[in-house]
Amino acid sequence: MASMASVEEIRNAQRAKGSATILAIGTATPENCIHQSDFPNYYFRVTKSEHKTELKKKFNRICEKSMIKKRYFHSTEKMLEDHPNIGAYMAPSIYMTRDHHR
Protein backbone atom coordinates (compact mmCIF):
# COMPACT_ATOMS: atom_id res chain seq x y z
CA MET A 1 0.00 0.00 0.00
CA ALA A 2 1.42 3.39 -0.99
CA SER A 3 1.98 5.91 1.77
CA MET A 4 -0.23 8.98 1.84
CA ALA A 5 1.47 12.37 1.62
CA SER A 6 0.93 14.72 4.53
CA VAL A 7 -0.98 17.96 4.08
CA GLU A 8 2.26 19.88 4.60
CA GLU A 9 4.04 17.94 1.85
CA ILE A 10 1.17 18.63 -0.57
CA ARG A 11 1.17 22.35 0.25
CA ASN A 12 4.94 22.59 -0.17
CA ALA A 13 4.70 20.87 -3.55
CA GLN A 14 2.10 23.40 -4.73
CA ARG A 15 4.07 26.49 -3.65
CA ALA A 16 6.27 28.39 -6.05
CA LYS A 17 9.98 28.44 -5.38
CA GLY A 18 11.79 31.79 -5.22
CA SER A 19 10.67 35.30 -4.44
CA ALA A 20 7.49 36.89 -5.77
CA THR A 21 7.64 40.02 -7.89
CA ILE A 22 4.90 42.56 -8.55
CA LEU A 23 5.20 43.61 -12.17
CA ALA A 24 2.51 46.31 -12.23
CA ILE A 25 -0.44 47.72 -10.33
CA GLY A 26 -3.33 49.13 -12.26
CA THR A 27 -7.05 49.47 -12.58
CA ALA A 28 -8.92 48.23 -15.62
CA THR A 29 -12.14 50.09 -16.28
CA PRO A 30 -14.44 49.90 -19.29
CA GLU A 31 -14.61 52.88 -21.64
CA ASN A 32 -18.23 53.74 -20.87
CA CYS A 33 -18.49 55.92 -17.79
CA ILE A 34 -21.64 57.49 -16.36
CA HIS A 35 -21.60 59.90 -13.45
CA GLN A 36 -23.74 58.80 -10.54
CA SER A 37 -25.91 61.92 -10.76
CA ASP A 38 -26.84 60.99 -14.37
CA PHE A 39 -27.31 57.28 -13.68
CA PRO A 40 -31.04 57.28 -12.71
CA ASN A 41 -32.01 59.10 -15.93
CA TYR A 42 -29.77 56.81 -17.99
CA TYR A 43 -31.08 53.64 -16.34
CA PHE A 44 -34.76 54.50 -16.72
CA ARG A 45 -34.21 55.65 -20.32
CA VAL A 46 -32.42 52.48 -21.48
CA THR A 47 -34.89 50.19 -19.71
CA LYS A 48 -37.81 52.20 -21.12
CA SER A 49 -39.17 52.72 -17.60
CA GLU A 50 -39.43 56.52 -17.54
CA HIS A 51 -43.16 56.23 -16.83
CA LYS A 52 -42.37 54.78 -13.36
CA THR A 53 -41.87 58.20 -11.76
CA GLU A 54 -42.20 57.14 -8.10
CA LEU A 55 -39.66 54.37 -8.53
CA LYS A 56 -37.35 56.77 -10.37
CA LYS A 57 -37.54 59.25 -7.47
CA LYS A 58 -36.67 56.52 -5.00
CA PHE A 59 -33.80 55.30 -7.18
CA ASN A 60 -32.56 58.88 -7.51
CA ARG A 61 -32.45 59.22 -3.69
CA ILE A 62 -30.54 55.95 -3.40
CA CYS A 63 -27.98 57.13 -5.97
CA GLU A 64 -27.58 60.51 -4.23
CA LYS A 65 -26.89 58.89 -0.85
CA SER A 66 -24.39 56.37 -2.13
CA MET A 67 -20.70 57.21 -2.10
CA ILE A 68 -20.34 56.15 -5.72
CA LYS A 69 -19.15 58.90 -8.07
CA LYS A 70 -18.93 57.07 -11.41
CA ARG A 71 -20.26 53.85 -12.90
CA TYR A 72 -18.45 51.95 -15.62
CA PHE A 73 -20.21 49.73 -18.16
CA HIS A 74 -19.18 47.32 -20.87
CA SER A 75 -22.49 47.78 -22.67
CA THR A 76 -23.33 50.94 -24.56
CA GLU A 77 -26.68 52.57 -25.07
CA LYS A 78 -26.45 51.69 -28.79
CA MET A 79 -25.84 48.02 -27.94
CA LEU A 80 -28.87 48.03 -25.64
CA GLU A 81 -30.98 49.58 -28.42
CA ASP A 82 -29.77 46.97 -30.92
CA HIS A 83 -30.45 44.09 -28.49
CA PRO A 84 -33.53 45.02 -26.42
CA ASN A 85 -33.63 41.63 -24.65
CA ILE A 86 -30.53 42.58 -22.66
CA GLY A 87 -32.51 45.19 -20.73
CA ALA A 88 -35.85 43.37 -20.65
CA TYR A 89 -37.02 41.63 -17.50
CA MET A 90 -36.90 37.82 -17.77
CA ALA A 91 -35.98 37.94 -21.47
CA PRO A 92 -33.54 35.36 -22.90
CA SER A 93 -30.50 37.61 -23.13
CA ILE A 94 -27.64 35.60 -21.65
CA TYR A 95 -26.39 34.30 -25.00
CA MET A 96 -26.45 37.74 -26.65
CA THR A 97 -24.44 39.21 -23.78
CA ARG A 98 -21.97 36.32 -23.75
CA ASP A 99 -21.46 36.36 -27.52
CA HIS A 100 -21.04 40.15 -27.60
CA HIS A 101 -18.15 40.09 -25.10
CA ARG A 102 -16.16 37.36 -26.84
PDB file of N, CA and C in Angstrom:
ATOM      1  N   MET A   1       0.855  -1.173   0.000  1.00  0.00           N
ATOM      2  CA  MET A   1       0.000   0.000   0.000  1.00  0.00           C
ATOM      3  C   MET A   1       0.897   1.230   0.000  1.00  0.00           C
ATOM      4  N   ALA A   2       0.610   2.177  -0.874  1.00  0.00           N
ATOM      5  CA  ALA A   2       1.421   3.392  -0.988  1.00  0.00           C
ATOM      6  C   ALA A   2       1.144   4.303   0.204  1.00  0.00           C
ATOM      7  N   SER A   3       2.182   5.011   0.637  1.00  0.00           N
ATOM      8  CA  SER A   3       1.982   5.907   1.772  1.00  0.00           C
ATOM      9  C   SER A   3       1.312   7.192   1.298  1.00  0.00           C
ATOM     10  N   MET A   4       0.474   7.737   2.169  1.00  0.00           N
ATOM     11  CA  MET A   4      -0.228   8.977   1.836  1.00  0.00           C
ATOM     12  C   MET A   4       0.653  10.156   2.206  1.00  0.00           C
ATOM     13  N   ALA A   5       0.679  11.167   1.351  1.00  0.00           N
ATOM     14  CA  ALA A   5       1.471  12.372   1.622  1.00  0.00           C
ATOM     15  C   ALA A   5       0.753  13.211   2.676  1.00  0.00           C
ATOM     16  N   SER A   6       1.540  13.862   3.514  1.00  0.00           N
ATOM     17  CA  SER A   6       0.935  14.718   4.528  1.00  0.00           C
ATOM     18  C   SER A   6       0.443  16.004   3.884  1.00  0.00           C
ATOM     19  N   VAL A   7      -0.432  16.695   4.572  1.00  0.00           N
ATOM     20  CA  VAL A   7      -0.978  17.964   4.080  1.00  0.00           C
ATOM     21  C   VAL A   7       0.156  18.953   3.849  1.00  0.00           C
ATOM     22  N   GLU A   8       1.128  18.957   4.734  1.00  0.00           N
ATOM     23  CA  GLU A   8       2.261  19.881   4.603  1.00  0.00           C
ATOM     24  C   GLU A   8       3.082  19.585   3.352  1.00  0.00           C
ATOM     25  N   GLU A   9       3.285  18.316   3.052  1.00  0.00           N
ATOM     26  CA  GLU A   9       4.036  17.939   1.847  1.00  0.00           C
ATOM     27  C   GLU A   9       3.285  18.372   0.582  1.00  0.00           C
ATOM     28  N   ILE A  10       1.970  18.219   0.583  1.00  0.00           N
ATOM     29  CA  ILE A  10       1.167  18.625  -0.575  1.00  0.00           C
ATOM     30  C   ILE A  10       1.244  20.144  -0.755  1.00  0.00           C
ATOM     31  N   ARG A  11       1.108  20.888   0.329  1.00  0.00           N
ATOM     32  CA  ARG A  11       1.169  22.353   0.251  1.00  0.00           C
ATOM     33  C   ARG A  11       2.544  22.821  -0.226  1.00  0.00           C
ATOM     34  N   ASN A  12       3.585  22.218   0.266  1.00  0.00           N
ATOM     35  CA  ASN A  12       4.937  22.591  -0.167  1.00  0.00           C
ATOM     36  C   ASN A  12       5.149  22.296  -1.645  1.00  0.00           C
ATOM     37  N   ALA A  13       4.567  21.211  -2.129  1.00  0.00           N
ATOM     38  CA  ALA A  13       4.702  20.867  -3.548  1.00  0.00           C
ATOM     39  C   ALA A  13       3.955  21.862  -4.440  1.00  0.00           C
ATOM     40  N   GLN A  14       2.893  22.473  -3.930  1.00  0.00           N
ATOM     41  CA  GLN A  14       2.095  23.398  -4.726  1.00  0.00           C
ATOM     42  C   GLN A  14       2.638  24.831  -4.683  1.00  0.00           C
ATOM     43  N   ARG A  15       3.534  25.133  -3.776  1.00  0.00           N
ATOM     44  CA  ARG A  15       4.066  26.493  -3.651  1.00  0.00           C
ATOM     45  C   ARG A  15       5.147  26.750  -4.680  1.00  0.00           C
ATOM     46  N   ALA A  16       5.222  28.001  -5.111  1.00  0.00           N
ATOM     47  CA  ALA A  16       6.274  28.390  -6.048  1.00  0.00           C
ATOM     48  C   ALA A  16       7.582  28.551  -5.298  1.00  0.00           C
ATOM     49  N   LYS A  17       8.648  28.276  -5.978  1.00  0.00           N
ATOM     50  CA  LYS A  17       9.978  28.441  -5.385  1.00  0.00           C
ATOM     51  C   LYS A  17      10.522  29.809  -5.789  1.00  0.00           C
ATOM     52  N   GLY A  18      11.207  30.486  -4.901  1.00  0.00           N
ATOM     53  CA  GLY A  18      11.785  31.791  -5.215  1.00  0.00           C
ATOM     54  C   GLY A  18      10.922  32.926  -4.696  1.00  0.00           C
ATOM     55  N   SER A  19      11.403  34.138  -4.952  1.00  0.00           N
ATOM     56  CA  SER A  19      10.674  35.299  -4.443  1.00  0.00           C
ATOM     57  C   SER A  19       9.621  35.758  -5.445  1.00  0.00           C
ATOM     58  N   ALA A  20       8.577  36.375  -4.923  1.00  0.00           N
ATOM     59  CA  ALA A  20       7.494  36.895  -5.768  1.00  0.00           C
ATOM     60  C   ALA A  20       7.829  38.312  -6.187  1.00  0.00           C
ATOM     61  N   THR A  21       7.385  38.687  -7.373  1.00  0.00           N
ATOM     62  CA  THR A  21       7.641  40.022  -7.887  1.00  0.00           C
ATOM     63  C   THR A  21       6.346  40.608  -8.413  1.00  0.00           C
ATOM     64  N   ILE A  22       6.054  41.836  -8.021  1.00  0.00           N
ATOM     65  CA  ILE A  22       4.903  42.558  -8.549  1.00  0.00           C
ATOM     66  C   ILE A  22       5.377  43.302  -9.784  1.00  0.00           C
ATOM     67  N   LEU A  23       4.775  43.007 -10.918  1.00  0.00           N
ATOM     68  CA  LEU A  23       5.199  43.612 -12.175  1.00  0.00           C
ATOM     69  C   LEU A  23       4.493  44.944 -12.425  1.00  0.00           C
ATOM     70  N   ALA A  24       3.241  45.071 -12.003  1.00  0.00           N
ATOM     71  CA  ALA A  24       2.508  46.313 -12.225  1.00  0.00           C
ATOM     72  C   ALA A  24       1.269  46.332 -11.345  1.00  0.00           C
ATOM     73  N   ILE A  25       0.810  47.524 -11.056  1.00  0.00           N
ATOM     74  CA  ILE A  25      -0.436  47.718 -10.335  1.00  0.00           C
ATOM     75  C   ILE A  25      -1.273  48.649 -11.195  1.00  0.00           C
ATOM     76  N   GLY A  26      -2.489  48.289 -11.433  1.00  0.00           N
ATOM     77  CA  GLY A  26      -3.331  49.135 -12.265  1.00  0.00           C
ATOM     78  C   GLY A  26      -4.796  48.838 -12.040  1.00  0.00           C
ATOM     79  N   THR A  27      -5.614  49.645 -12.651  1.00  0.00           N
ATOM     80  CA  THR A  27      -7.052  49.475 -12.585  1.00  0.00           C
ATOM     81  C   THR A  27      -7.587  49.403 -14.002  1.00  0.00           C
ATOM     82  N   ALA A  28      -8.316  48.371 -14.292  1.00  0.00           N
ATOM     83  CA  ALA A  28      -8.915  48.234 -15.619  1.00  0.00           C
ATOM     84  C   ALA A  28     -10.380  48.632 -15.529  1.00  0.00           C
ATOM     85  N   THR A  29     -10.750  49.648 -16.262  1.00  0.00           N
ATOM     86  CA  THR A  29     -12.140  50.090 -16.275  1.00  0.00           C
ATOM     87  C   THR A  29     -12.629  50.158 -17.715  1.00  0.00           C
ATOM     88  N   PRO A  30     -13.880  49.798 -17.937  1.00  0.00           N
ATOM     89  CA  PRO A  30     -14.438  49.903 -19.289  1.00  0.00           C
ATOM     90  C   PRO A  30     -14.491  51.354 -19.762  1.00  0.00           C
ATOM     91  N   GLU A  31     -14.592  51.541 -21.060  1.00  0.00           N
ATOM     92  CA  GLU A  31     -14.615  52.882 -21.638  1.00  0.00           C
ATOM     93  C   GLU A  31     -15.839  53.686 -21.226  1.00  0.00           C
ATOM     94  N   ASN A  32     -16.966  53.044 -21.100  1.00  0.00           N
ATOM     95  CA  ASN A  32     -18.231  53.744 -20.873  1.00  0.00           C
ATOM     96  C   ASN A  32     -18.394  54.120 -19.409  1.00  0.00           C
ATOM     97  N   CYS A  33     -18.393  55.414 -19.156  1.00  0.00           N
ATOM     98  CA  CYS A  33     -18.489  55.920 -17.791  1.00  0.00           C
ATOM     99  C   CYS A  33     -19.709  56.830 -17.683  1.00  0.00           C
ATOM    100  N   ILE A  34     -20.483  56.638 -16.627  1.00  0.00           N
ATOM    101  CA  ILE A  34     -21.644  57.486 -16.357  1.00  0.00           C
ATOM    102  C   ILE A  34     -21.504  58.013 -14.942  1.00  0.00           C
ATOM    103  N   HIS A  35     -21.646  59.316 -14.785  1.00  0.00           N
ATOM    104  CA  HIS A  35     -21.598  59.900 -13.448  1.00  0.00           C
ATOM    105  C   HIS A  35     -22.837  59.475 -12.670  1.00  0.00           C
ATOM    106  N   GLN A  36     -22.661  59.292 -11.395  1.00  0.00           N
ATOM    107  CA  GLN A  36     -23.743  58.799 -10.544  1.00  0.00           C
ATOM    108  C   GLN A  36     -24.978  59.697 -10.612  1.00  0.00           C
ATOM    109  N   SER A  37     -24.771  61.003 -10.714  1.00  0.00           N
ATOM    110  CA  SER A  37     -25.915  61.923 -10.763  1.00  0.00           C
ATOM    111  C   SER A  37     -26.743  61.730 -12.037  1.00  0.00           C
ATOM    112  N   ASP A  38     -26.136  61.230 -13.109  1.00  0.00           N
ATOM    113  CA  ASP A  38     -26.844  60.989 -14.370  1.00  0.00           C
ATOM    114  C   ASP A  38     -27.381  59.566 -14.478  1.00  0.00           C
ATOM    115  N   PHE A  39     -26.978  58.696 -13.569  1.00  0.00           N
ATOM    116  CA  PHE A  39     -27.311  57.284 -13.683  1.00  0.00           C
ATOM    117  C   PHE A  39     -28.813  56.993 -13.626  1.00  0.00           C
ATOM    118  N   PRO A  40     -29.592  57.589 -12.721  1.00  0.00           N
ATOM    119  CA  PRO A  40     -31.039  57.281 -12.715  1.00  0.00           C
ATOM    120  C   PRO A  40     -31.712  57.602 -14.047  1.00  0.00           C
ATOM    121  N   ASN A  41     -31.413  58.750 -14.630  1.00  0.00           N
ATOM    122  CA  ASN A  41     -32.008  59.096 -15.927  1.00  0.00           C
ATOM    123  C   ASN A  41     -31.579  58.110 -17.008  1.00  0.00           C
ATOM    124  N   TYR A  42     -30.297  57.774 -17.019  1.00  0.00           N
ATOM    125  CA  TYR A  42     -29.774  56.805 -17.992  1.00  0.00           C
ATOM    126  C   TYR A  42     -30.469  55.454 -17.833  1.00  0.00           C
ATOM    127  N   TYR A  43     -30.527  54.966 -16.600  1.00  0.00           N
ATOM    128  CA  TYR A  43     -31.084  53.640 -16.345  1.00  0.00           C
ATOM    129  C   TYR A  43     -32.544  53.554 -16.778  1.00  0.00           C
ATOM    130  N   PHE A  44     -33.338  54.538 -16.382  1.00  0.00           N
ATOM    131  CA  PHE A  44     -34.758  54.495 -16.716  1.00  0.00           C
ATOM    132  C   PHE A  44     -34.991  54.731 -18.212  1.00  0.00           C
ATOM    133  N   ARG A  45     -34.092  55.453 -18.868  1.00  0.00           N
ATOM    134  CA  ARG A  45     -34.207  55.655 -20.318  1.00  0.00           C
ATOM    135  C   ARG A  45     -33.901  54.355 -21.068  1.00  0.00           C
ATOM    136  N   VAL A  46     -32.798  53.684 -20.737  1.00  0.00           N
ATOM    137  CA  VAL A  46     -32.417  52.476 -21.485  1.00  0.00           C
ATOM    138  C   VAL A  46     -33.330  51.291 -21.183  1.00  0.00           C
ATOM    139  N   THR A  47     -33.962  51.276 -20.031  1.00  0.00           N
ATOM    140  CA  THR A  47     -34.889  50.193 -19.708  1.00  0.00           C
ATOM    141  C   THR A  47     -36.324  50.552 -20.085  1.00  0.00           C
ATOM    142  N   LYS A  48     -36.490  51.725 -20.694  1.00  0.00           N
ATOM    143  CA  LYS A  48     -37.809  52.199 -21.117  1.00  0.00           C
ATOM    144  C   LYS A  48     -38.805  52.181 -19.960  1.00  0.00           C
ATOM    145  N   SER A  49     -38.349  52.700 -18.817  1.00  0.00           N
ATOM    146  CA  SER A  49     -39.169  52.721 -17.605  1.00  0.00           C
ATOM    147  C   SER A  49     -39.407  54.138 -17.095  1.00  0.00           C
ATOM    148  N   GLU A  50     -39.288  55.128 -17.972  1.00  0.00           N
ATOM    149  CA  GLU A  50     -39.432  56.520 -17.540  1.00  0.00           C
ATOM    150  C   GLU A  50     -40.820  56.825 -16.998  1.00  0.00           C
ATOM    151  N   HIS A  51     -41.809  56.023 -17.326  1.00  0.00           N
ATOM    152  CA  HIS A  51     -43.161  56.231 -16.826  1.00  0.00           C
ATOM    153  C   HIS A  51     -43.302  55.867 -15.339  1.00  0.00           C
ATOM    154  N   LYS A  52     -42.331  55.173 -14.777  1.00  0.00           N
ATOM    155  CA  LYS A  52     -42.372  54.780 -13.357  1.00  0.00           C
ATOM    156  C   LYS A  52     -41.743  55.882 -12.514  1.00  0.00           C
ATOM    157  N   THR A  53     -42.438  56.999 -12.383  1.00  0.00           N
ATOM    158  CA  THR A  53     -41.869  58.199 -11.759  1.00  0.00           C
ATOM    159  C   THR A  53     -41.575  58.018 -10.268  1.00  0.00           C
ATOM    160  N   GLU A  54     -42.439  57.331  -9.545  1.00  0.00           N
ATOM    161  CA  GLU A  54     -42.200  57.138  -8.104  1.00  0.00           C
ATOM    162  C   GLU A  54     -40.965  56.276  -7.872  1.00  0.00           C
ATOM    163  N   LEU A  55     -40.827  55.238  -8.649  1.00  0.00           N
ATOM    164  CA  LEU A  55     -39.660  54.369  -8.531  1.00  0.00           C
ATOM    165  C   LEU A  55     -38.391  55.125  -8.926  1.00  0.00           C
ATOM    166  N   LYS A  56     -38.507  55.977  -9.930  1.00  0.00           N
ATOM    167  CA  LYS A  56     -37.354  56.769 -10.371  1.00  0.00           C
ATOM    168  C   LYS A  56     -36.922  57.747  -9.279  1.00  0.00           C
ATOM    169  N   LYS A  57     -37.875  58.344  -8.585  1.00  0.00           N
ATOM    170  CA  LYS A  57     -37.543  59.253  -7.474  1.00  0.00           C
ATOM    171  C   LYS A  57     -36.803  58.502  -6.365  1.00  0.00           C
ATOM    172  N   LYS A  58     -37.305  57.334  -6.038  1.00  0.00           N
ATOM    173  CA  LYS A  58     -36.670  56.520  -4.995  1.00  0.00           C
ATOM    174  C   LYS A  58     -35.256  56.117  -5.417  1.00  0.00           C
ATOM    175  N   PHE A  59     -35.107  55.689  -6.656  1.00  0.00           N
ATOM    176  CA  PHE A  59     -33.797  55.297  -7.178  1.00  0.00           C
ATOM    177  C   PHE A  59     -32.836  56.487  -7.193  1.00  0.00           C
ATOM    178  N   ASN A  60     -33.364  57.652  -7.509  1.00  0.00           N
ATOM    179  CA  ASN A  60     -32.559  58.876  -7.509  1.00  0.00           C
ATOM    180  C   ASN A  60     -32.029  59.167  -6.097  1.00  0.00           C
ATOM    181  N   ARG A  61     -32.878  59.016  -5.081  1.00  0.00           N
ATOM    182  CA  ARG A  61     -32.447  59.224  -3.695  1.00  0.00           C
ATOM    183  C   ARG A  61     -31.368  58.221  -3.298  1.00  0.00           C
ATOM    184  N   ILE A  62     -31.544  56.979  -3.698  1.00  0.00           N
ATOM    185  CA  ILE A  62     -30.539  55.949  -3.396  1.00  0.00           C
ATOM    186  C   ILE A  62     -29.198  56.325  -4.018  1.00  0.00           C
ATOM    187  N   CYS A  63     -29.223  56.755  -5.269  1.00  0.00           N
ATOM    188  CA  CYS A  63     -27.985  57.127  -5.965  1.00  0.00           C
ATOM    189  C   CYS A  63     -27.324  58.350  -5.320  1.00  0.00           C
ATOM    190  N   GLU A  64     -28.123  59.314  -4.879  1.00  0.00           N
ATOM    191  CA  GLU A  64     -27.579  60.514  -4.233  1.00  0.00           C
ATOM    192  C   GLU A  64     -26.880  60.171  -2.920  1.00  0.00           C
ATOM    193  N   LYS A  65     -27.428  59.221  -2.174  1.00  0.00           N
ATOM    194  CA  LYS A  65     -26.892  58.892  -0.852  1.00  0.00           C
ATOM    195  C   LYS A  65     -25.710  57.931  -0.898  1.00  0.00           C
ATOM    196  N   SER A  66     -25.517  57.292  -2.039  1.00  0.00           N
ATOM    197  CA  SER A  66     -24.388  56.370  -2.132  1.00  0.00           C
ATOM    198  C   SER A  66     -23.098  57.166  -2.276  1.00  0.00           C
ATOM    199  N   MET A  67     -22.006  56.549  -1.997  1.00  0.00           N
ATOM    200  CA  MET A  67     -20.700  57.209  -2.100  1.00  0.00           C
ATOM    201  C   MET A  67     -20.074  56.995  -3.483  1.00  0.00           C
ATOM    202  N   ILE A  68     -20.834  56.420  -4.378  1.00  0.00           N
ATOM    203  CA  ILE A  68     -20.340  56.152  -5.723  1.00  0.00           C
ATOM    204  C   ILE A  68     -20.332  57.442  -6.523  1.00  0.00           C
ATOM    205  N   LYS A  69     -19.242  57.698  -7.242  1.00  0.00           N
ATOM    206  CA  LYS A  69     -19.147  58.901  -8.066  1.00  0.00           C
ATOM    207  C   LYS A  69     -19.344  58.593  -9.544  1.00  0.00           C
ATOM    208  N   LYS A  70     -18.830  57.454 -10.004  1.00  0.00           N
ATOM    209  CA  LYS A  70     -18.926  57.068 -11.405  1.00  0.00           C
ATOM    210  C   LYS A  70     -19.281  55.595 -11.503  1.00  0.00           C
ATOM    211  N   ARG A  71     -19.951  55.249 -12.598  1.00  0.00           N
ATOM    212  CA  ARG A  71     -20.261  53.849 -12.898  1.00  0.00           C
ATOM    213  C   ARG A  71     -19.691  53.523 -14.268  1.00  0.00           C
ATOM    214  N   TYR A  72     -19.065  52.379 -14.375  1.00  0.00           N
ATOM    215  CA  TYR A  72     -18.447  51.953 -15.622  1.00  0.00           C
ATOM    216  C   TYR A  72     -19.212  50.761 -16.183  1.00  0.00           C
ATOM    217  N   PHE A  73     -19.423  50.769 -17.499  1.00  0.00           N
ATOM    218  CA  PHE A  73     -20.208  49.731 -18.160  1.00  0.00           C
ATOM    219  C   PHE A  73     -19.472  49.188 -19.372  1.00  0.00           C
ATOM    220  N   HIS A  74     -19.668  47.917 -19.634  1.00  0.00           N
ATOM    221  CA  HIS A  74     -19.184  47.320 -20.874  1.00  0.00           C
ATOM    222  C   HIS A  74     -20.181  47.586 -21.990  1.00  0.00           C
ATOM    223  N   SER A  75     -21.456  47.584 -21.654  1.00  0.00           N
ATOM    224  CA  SER A  75     -22.486  47.779 -22.670  1.00  0.00           C
ATOM    225  C   SER A  75     -22.694  49.265 -22.942  1.00  0.00           C
ATOM    226  N   THR A  76     -23.046  49.564 -24.171  1.00  0.00           N
ATOM    227  CA  THR A  76     -23.328  50.942 -24.560  1.00  0.00           C
ATOM    228  C   THR A  76     -24.830  51.096 -24.774  1.00  0.00           C
ATOM    229  N   GLU A  77     -25.271  52.325 -24.823  1.00  0.00           N
ATOM    230  CA  GLU A  77     -26.681  52.573 -25.069  1.00  0.00           C
ATOM    231  C   GLU A  77     -27.080  52.055 -26.454  1.00  0.00           C
ATOM    232  N   LYS A  78     -26.190  52.183 -27.417  1.00  0.00           N
ATOM    233  CA  LYS A  78     -26.445  51.686 -28.786  1.00  0.00           C
ATOM    234  C   LYS A  78     -26.609  50.170 -28.772  1.00  0.00           C
ATOM    235  N   MET A  79     -25.753  49.483 -28.029  1.00  0.00           N
ATOM    236  CA  MET A  79     -25.843  48.025 -27.942  1.00  0.00           C
ATOM    237  C   MET A  79     -27.172  47.607 -27.309  1.00  0.00           C
ATOM    238  N   LEU A  80     -27.604  48.344 -26.288  1.00  0.00           N
ATOM    239  CA  LEU A  80     -28.874  48.027 -25.636  1.00  0.00           C
ATOM    240  C   LEU A  80     -30.052  48.293 -26.571  1.00  0.00           C
ATOM    241  N   GLU A  81     -29.930  49.309 -27.428  1.00  0.00           N
ATOM    242  CA  GLU A  81     -30.982  49.578 -28.418  1.00  0.00           C
ATOM    243  C   GLU A  81     -31.022  48.473 -29.474  1.00  0.00           C
ATOM    244  N   ASP A  82     -29.853  48.019 -29.904  1.00  0.00           N
ATOM    245  CA  ASP A  82     -29.772  46.974 -30.923  1.00  0.00           C
ATOM    246  C   ASP A  82     -30.237  45.611 -30.404  1.00  0.00           C
ATOM    247  N   HIS A  83     -30.080  45.371 -29.109  1.00  0.00           N
ATOM    248  CA  HIS A  83     -30.451  44.092 -28.492  1.00  0.00           C
ATOM    249  C   HIS A  83     -31.355  44.365 -27.291  1.00  0.00           C
ATOM    250  N   PRO A  84     -32.628  44.635 -27.512  1.00  0.00           N
ATOM    251  CA  PRO A  84     -33.526  45.023 -26.416  1.00  0.00           C
ATOM    252  C   PRO A  84     -33.716  43.949 -25.352  1.00  0.00           C
ATOM    253  N   ASN A  85     -33.467  42.679 -25.660  1.00  0.00           N
ATOM    254  CA  ASN A  85     -33.634  41.629 -24.647  1.00  0.00           C
ATOM    255  C   ASN A  85     -32.644  41.760 -23.496  1.00  0.00           C
ATOM    256  N   ILE A  86     -31.522  42.429 -23.727  1.00  0.00           N
ATOM    257  CA  ILE A  86     -30.535  42.579 -22.656  1.00  0.00           C
ATOM    258  C   ILE A  86     -31.117  43.368 -21.498  1.00  0.00           C
ATOM    259  N   GLY A  87     -31.933  44.363 -21.787  1.00  0.00           N
ATOM    260  CA  GLY A  87     -32.514  45.190 -20.731  1.00  0.00           C
ATOM    261  C   GLY A  87     -33.920  44.809 -20.342  1.00  0.00           C
ATOM    262  N   ALA A  88     -34.474  43.764 -20.930  1.00  0.00           N
ATOM    263  CA  ALA A  88     -35.852  43.367 -20.650  1.00  0.00           C
ATOM    264  C   ALA A  88     -35.905  42.351 -19.513  1.00  0.00           C
ATOM    265  N   TYR A  89     -36.847  42.520 -18.639  1.00  0.00           N
ATOM    266  CA  TYR A  89     -37.017  41.626 -17.498  1.00  0.00           C
ATOM    267  C   TYR A  89     -37.395  40.223 -17.968  1.00  0.00           C
ATOM    268  N   MET A  90     -36.657  39.238 -17.507  1.00  0.00           N
ATOM    269  CA  MET A  90     -36.899  37.819 -17.775  1.00  0.00           C
ATOM    270  C   MET A  90     -36.806  37.452 -19.262  1.00  0.00           C
ATOM    271  N   ALA A  91     -36.150  38.258 -20.055  1.00  0.00           N
ATOM    272  CA  ALA A  91     -35.981  37.939 -21.474  1.00  0.00           C
ATOM    273  C   ALA A  91     -34.733  37.071 -21.657  1.00  0.00           C
ATOM    274  N   PRO A  92     -34.715  36.217 -22.666  1.00  0.00           N
ATOM    275  CA  PRO A  92     -33.538  35.357 -22.900  1.00  0.00           C
ATOM    276  C   PRO A  92     -32.387  36.158 -23.501  1.00  0.00           C
ATOM    277  N   SER A  93     -31.562  36.727 -22.653  1.00  0.00           N
ATOM    278  CA  SER A  93     -30.501  37.611 -23.135  1.00  0.00           C
ATOM    279  C   SER A  93     -29.097  37.109 -22.837  1.00  0.00           C
ATOM    280  N   ILE A  94     -28.958  36.048 -22.099  1.00  0.00           N
ATOM    281  CA  ILE A  94     -27.635  35.605 -21.647  1.00  0.00           C
ATOM    282  C   ILE A  94     -26.717  35.279 -22.821  1.00  0.00           C
ATOM    283  N   TYR A  95     -27.240  34.680 -23.876  1.00  0.00           N
ATOM    284  CA  TYR A  95     -26.390  34.300 -24.996  1.00  0.00           C
ATOM    285  C   TYR A  95     -25.958  35.514 -25.810  1.00  0.00           C
ATOM    286  N   MET A  96     -26.832  36.515 -25.942  1.00  0.00           N
ATOM    287  CA  MET A  96     -26.449  37.737 -26.651  1.00  0.00           C
ATOM    288  C   MET A  96     -25.337  38.448 -25.900  1.00  0.00           C
ATOM    289  N   THR A  97     -25.453  38.538 -24.596  1.00  0.00           N
ATOM    290  CA  THR A  97     -24.444  39.206 -23.777  1.00  0.00           C
ATOM    291  C   THR A  97     -23.115  38.450 -23.862  1.00  0.00           C
ATOM    292  N   ARG A  98     -23.176  37.145 -23.715  1.00  0.00           N
ATOM    293  CA  ARG A  98     -21.969  36.324 -23.754  1.00  0.00           C
ATOM    294  C   ARG A  98     -21.269  36.425 -25.109  1.00  0.00           C
ATOM    295  N   ASP A  99     -22.043  36.328 -26.184  1.00  0.00           N
ATOM    296  CA  ASP A  99     -21.457  36.364 -27.521  1.00  0.00           C
ATOM    297  C   ASP A  99     -20.904  37.741 -27.862  1.00  0.00           C
ATOM    298  N   HIS A 100     -21.512  38.785 -27.325  1.00  0.00           N
ATOM    299  CA  HIS A 100     -21.035  40.152 -27.600  1.00  0.00           C
ATOM    300  C   HIS A 100     -19.662  40.402 -26.977  1.00  0.00           C
ATOM    301  N   HIS A 101     -19.397  39.822 -25.831  1.00  0.00           N
ATOM    302  CA  HIS A 101     -18.153  40.092 -25.102  1.00  0.00           C
ATOM    303  C   HIS A 101     -17.040  39.108 -25.450  1.00  0.00           C
ATOM    304  N   ARG A 102     -17.215  38.302 -26.442  1.00  0.00           N
ATOM    305  CA  ARG A 102     -16.165  37.357 -26.842  1.00  0.00           C
ATOM    306  C   ARG A 102     -15.171  38.021 -27.723  1.00  0.00           C
TER     307      ARG A 102
END
